[in-house]
Amino acid sequence: EYQAVHAVAPAQVRLMMELVYRTLQRPEVDVLAWTPANVRSKAGGMVLHFRQNKTGRLIDIAVAGQLGDLVQAAIGEVPQLQQPIVHTLAGEAHSCDGISAMLKRSQVKAGIESFGFRT
């Protein structure tokens, strides 16, 4: 189901699906808030560094392999530090309802039962 929806979804939905799946973080309060400023260099490589909304803990997620490629492609060569990683074509933040509606349209297009962005 994931692959069928991923195949027909727009780029922003595919990015959101991959970030939620690969980081296991809450989409509506954590993933949508990430900007290139959250991607930092640490000993051992690059990490996604953020304060988890629910727990308040500082989290570092290694940005390597496929996740690294995905994040690098999303932020580009010259990142705009305050622009969300998952953003609209105008460079603005997506609302959770907005990106979820895009996911639902992709599911209809793929003929798949509804599922949401969840950790």
C-alpha atoms as a PDB file:
ATOM      1  CA  GLU A   1       0.000   0.000   0.000  1.00  0.00           C
ATOM      2  CA  TYR A   2       2.805   2.399   0.949  1.00  0.00           C
ATOM      3  CA  GLN A   3       4.628   1.758  -2.326  1.00  0.00           C
ATOM      4  CA  ALA A   4       1.470   2.119  -4.427  1.00  0.00           C
ATOM      5  CA  VAL A   5       0.668   5.503  -2.867  1.00  0.00           C
ATOM      6  CA  HIS A   6       4.314   6.614  -2.997  1.00  0.00           C
ATOM      7  CA  ALA A   7       4.404   5.886  -6.736  1.00  0.00           C
ATOM      8  CA  VAL A   8       1.541   8.307  -7.541  1.00  0.00           C
ATOM      9  CA  ALA A   9       2.020  10.937  -4.817  1.00  0.00           C
ATOM     10  CA  PRO A  10       3.420  14.427  -5.411  1.00  0.00           C
ATOM     11  CA  ALA A  11       6.982  15.125  -4.282  1.00  0.00           C
ATOM     12  CA  GLN A  12       5.986  16.778  -0.982  1.00  0.00           C
ATOM     13  CA  VAL A  13       3.866  13.782   0.039  1.00  0.00           C
ATOM     14  CA  ARG A  14       6.623  11.324  -0.919  1.00  0.00           C
ATOM     15  CA  LEU A  15       9.117  13.336   1.116  1.00  0.00           C
ATOM     16  CA  MET A  16       6.800  13.435   4.120  1.00  0.00           C
ATOM     17  CA  MET A  17       6.115   9.691   3.857  1.00  0.00           C
ATOM     18  CA  GLU A  18       9.834   8.929   3.755  1.00  0.00           C
ATOM     19  CA  LEU A  19      10.768  11.264   6.627  1.00  0.00           C
ATOM     20  CA  VAL A  20       8.065   9.864   8.913  1.00  0.00           C
ATOM     21  CA  TYR A  21       8.907   6.262   7.975  1.00  0.00           C
ATOM     22  CA  ARG A  22      12.686   6.642   8.279  1.00  0.00           C
ATOM     23  CA  THR A  23      12.797   8.771  11.461  1.00  0.00           C
ATOM     24  CA  LEU A  24       9.755   7.453  13.355  1.00  0.00           C
ATOM     25  CA  GLN A  25       8.939  10.976  14.533  1.00  0.00           C
ATOM     26  CA  ARG A  26       5.564  12.668  14.913  1.00  0.00           C
ATOM     27  CA  PRO A  27       4.622  14.209  11.593  1.00  0.00           C
ATOM     28  CA  GLU A  28       2.332  17.006  12.689  1.00  0.00           C
ATOM     29  CA  VAL A  29       4.491  18.511  15.439  1.00  0.00           C
ATOM     30  CA  ASP A  30       8.037  17.437  14.667  1.00  0.00           C
ATOM     31  CA  VAL A  31       8.637  16.559  10.997  1.00  0.00           C
ATOM     32  CA  LEU A  32       6.685  19.511   9.573  1.00  0.00           C
ATOM     33  CA  ALA A  33       8.708  21.877  11.780  1.00  0.00           C
ATOM     34  CA  TRP A  34      12.143  20.750  10.569  1.00  0.00           C
ATOM     35  CA  THR A  35      14.205  23.211   8.550  1.00  0.00           C
ATOM     36  CA  PRO A  36      17.726  22.924   7.120  1.00  0.00           C
ATOM     37  CA  ALA A  37      18.875  24.577  10.366  1.00  0.00           C
ATOM     38  CA  ASN A  38      18.011  21.273  12.081  1.00  0.00           C
ATOM     39  CA  VAL A  39      20.599  19.442   9.944  1.00  0.00           C
ATOM     40  CA  ARG A  40      23.893  19.757  11.788  1.00  0.00           C
ATOM     41  CA  SER A  41      27.378  18.389  11.615  1.00  0.00           C
ATOM     42  CA  LYS A  42      28.469  16.349  14.628  1.00  0.00           C
ATOM     43  CA  ALA A  43      31.328  13.994  15.321  1.00  0.00           C
ATOM     44  CA  GLY A  44      30.562  10.988  13.180  1.00  0.00           C
ATOM     45  CA  GLY A  45      28.547  12.823  10.528  1.00  0.00           C
ATOM     46  CA  MET A  46      25.388  14.794   9.931  1.00  0.00           C
ATOM     47  CA  VAL A  47      22.343  14.605  12.207  1.00  0.00           C
ATOM     48  CA  LEU A  48      18.805  15.922  12.340  1.00  0.00           C
ATOM     49  CA  HIS A  49      18.898  17.779  15.663  1.00  0.00           C
ATOM     50  CA  PHE A  50      15.642  18.895  17.281  1.00  0.00           C
ATOM     51  CA  ARG A  51      13.693  19.059  20.515  1.00  0.00           C
ATOM     52  CA  GLN A  52      10.947  16.440  20.413  1.00  0.00           C
ATOM     53  CA  ASN A  53       7.633  18.186  20.958  1.00  0.00           C
ATOM     54  CA  LYS A  54       5.949  15.558  23.148  1.00  0.00           C
ATOM     55  CA  THR A  55       8.855  14.658  25.455  1.00  0.00           C
ATOM     56  CA  GLY A  56      10.932  17.849  25.304  1.00  0.00           C
ATOM     57  CA  ARG A  57      14.065  15.744  24.797  1.00  0.00           C
ATOM     58  CA  LEU A  58      16.823  16.757  22.419  1.00  0.00           C
ATOM     59  CA  ILE A  59      17.052  14.199  19.632  1.00  0.00           C
ATOM     60  CA  ASP A  60      19.805  13.516  17.111  1.00  0.00           C
ATOM     61  CA  ILE A  61      18.974  11.247  14.189  1.00  0.00           C
ATOM     62  CA  ALA A  62      21.856  10.238  11.936  1.00  0.00           C
ATOM     63  CA  VAL A  63      21.424  11.624   8.435  1.00  0.00           C
ATOM     64  CA  ALA A  64      23.198   8.968   6.392  1.00  0.00           C
ATOM     65  CA  GLY A  65      22.471   6.550   3.581  1.00  0.00           C
ATOM     66  CA  GLN A  66      19.047   6.907   1.993  1.00  0.00           C
ATOM     67  CA  LEU A  67      17.880   9.363   4.667  1.00  0.00           C
ATOM     68  CA  GLY A  68      20.932  11.510   3.977  1.00  0.00           C
ATOM     69  CA  ASP A  69      20.271  11.479   0.239  1.00  0.00           C
ATOM     70  CA  LEU A  70      16.617  12.328   0.811  1.00  0.00           C
ATOM     71  CA  VAL A  71      17.339  15.253   3.144  1.00  0.00           C
ATOM     72  CA  GLN A  72      20.110  16.617   0.926  1.00  0.00           C
ATOM     73  CA  ALA A  73      17.858  16.533  -2.138  1.00  0.00           C
ATOM     74  CA  ALA A  74      15.073  18.281  -0.202  1.00  0.00           C
ATOM     75  CA  ILE A  75      17.204  21.128   1.146  1.00  0.00           C
ATOM     76  CA  GLY A  76      19.349  21.588  -1.975  1.00  0.00           C
ATOM     77  CA  GLU A  77      22.893  22.835  -2.393  1.00  0.00           C
ATOM     78  CA  VAL A  78      22.241  26.284  -0.905  1.00  0.00           C
ATOM     79  CA  PRO A  79      19.624  25.708   1.804  1.00  0.00           C
ATOM     80  CA  GLN A  80      17.349  28.468   3.014  1.00  0.00           C
ATOM     81  CA  LEU A  81      17.745  27.870   6.740  1.00  0.00           C
ATOM     82  CA  GLN A  82      14.240  28.908   7.803  1.00  0.00           C
ATOM     83  CA  GLN A  83      12.337  27.220   4.961  1.00  0.00           C
ATOM     84  CA  PRO A  84      10.741  23.964   6.142  1.00  0.00           C
ATOM     85  CA  ILE A  85      12.251  20.807   4.664  1.00  0.00           C
ATOM     86  CA  VAL A  86       8.728  19.736   3.649  1.00  0.00           C
ATOM     87  CA  HIS A  87       7.343  22.875   2.030  1.00  0.00           C
ATOM     88  CA  THR A  88       4.806  24.095  -0.496  1.00  0.00           C
ATOM     89  CA  LEU A  89       5.840  25.148  -3.994  1.00  0.00           C
ATOM     90  CA  ALA A  90       5.890  28.720  -2.644  1.00  0.00           C
ATOM     91  CA  GLY A  91       8.376  27.671   0.060  1.00  0.00           C
ATOM     92  CA  GLU A  92       5.861  27.939   2.906  1.00  0.00           C
ATOM     93  CA  ALA A  93       5.167  25.400   5.634  1.00  0.00           C
ATOM     94  CA  HIS A  94       2.505  22.780   4.966  1.00  0.00           C
ATOM     95  CA  SER A  95      -0.246  22.453   7.520  1.00  0.00           C
ATOM     96  CA  CYS A  96      -0.823  18.941   8.820  1.00  0.00           C
ATOM     97  CA  ASP A  97      -4.343  19.019   7.359  1.00  0.00           C
ATOM     98  CA  GLY A  98      -3.050  20.221   3.996  1.00  0.00           C
ATOM     99  CA  ILE A  99      -0.378  17.565   3.536  1.00  0.00           C
ATOM    100  CA  SER A 100      -2.762  14.902   4.888  1.00  0.00           C
ATOM    101  CA  ALA A 101      -5.351  15.921   2.280  1.00  0.00           C
ATOM    102  CA  MET A 102      -2.694  15.528  -0.414  1.00  0.00           C
ATOM    103  CA  LEU A 103      -1.929  12.046   0.957  1.00  0.00           C
ATOM    104  CA  LYS A 104      -5.625  11.119   0.855  1.00  0.00           C
ATOM    105  CA  ARG A 105      -5.911  12.248  -2.802  1.00  0.00           C
ATOM    106  CA  SER A 106      -2.880  10.089  -3.623  1.00  0.00           C
ATOM    107  CA  GLN A 107      -4.497   7.120  -1.904  1.00  0.00           C
ATOM    108  CA  VAL A 108      -7.670   7.554  -3.951  1.00  0.00           C
ATOM    109  CA  LYS A 109      -5.556   7.778  -7.106  1.00  0.00           C
ATOM    110  CA  ALA A 110      -3.746   4.551  -6.123  1.00  0.00           C
ATOM    111  CA  GLY A 111      -7.010   2.790  -5.145  1.00  0.00           C
ATOM    112  CA  ILE A 112      -5.728   2.201  -1.592  1.00  0.00           C
ATOM    113  CA  GLU A 113      -7.599   2.331   1.713  1.00  0.00           C
ATOM    114  CA  SER A 114      -6.901   5.392   3.771  1.00  0.00           C
ATOM    115  CA  PHE A 115      -3.907   5.545   6.108  1.00  0.00           C
ATOM    116  CA  GLY A 116      -2.233   8.532   7.690  1.00  0.00           C
ATOM    117  CA  PHE A 117       1.149   9.922   8.583  1.00  0.00           C
ATOM    118  CA  ARG A 118       1.838   8.223  11.899  1.00  0.00           C
ATOM    119  CA  THR A 119       4.882   7.226  13.850  1.00  0.00           C
END
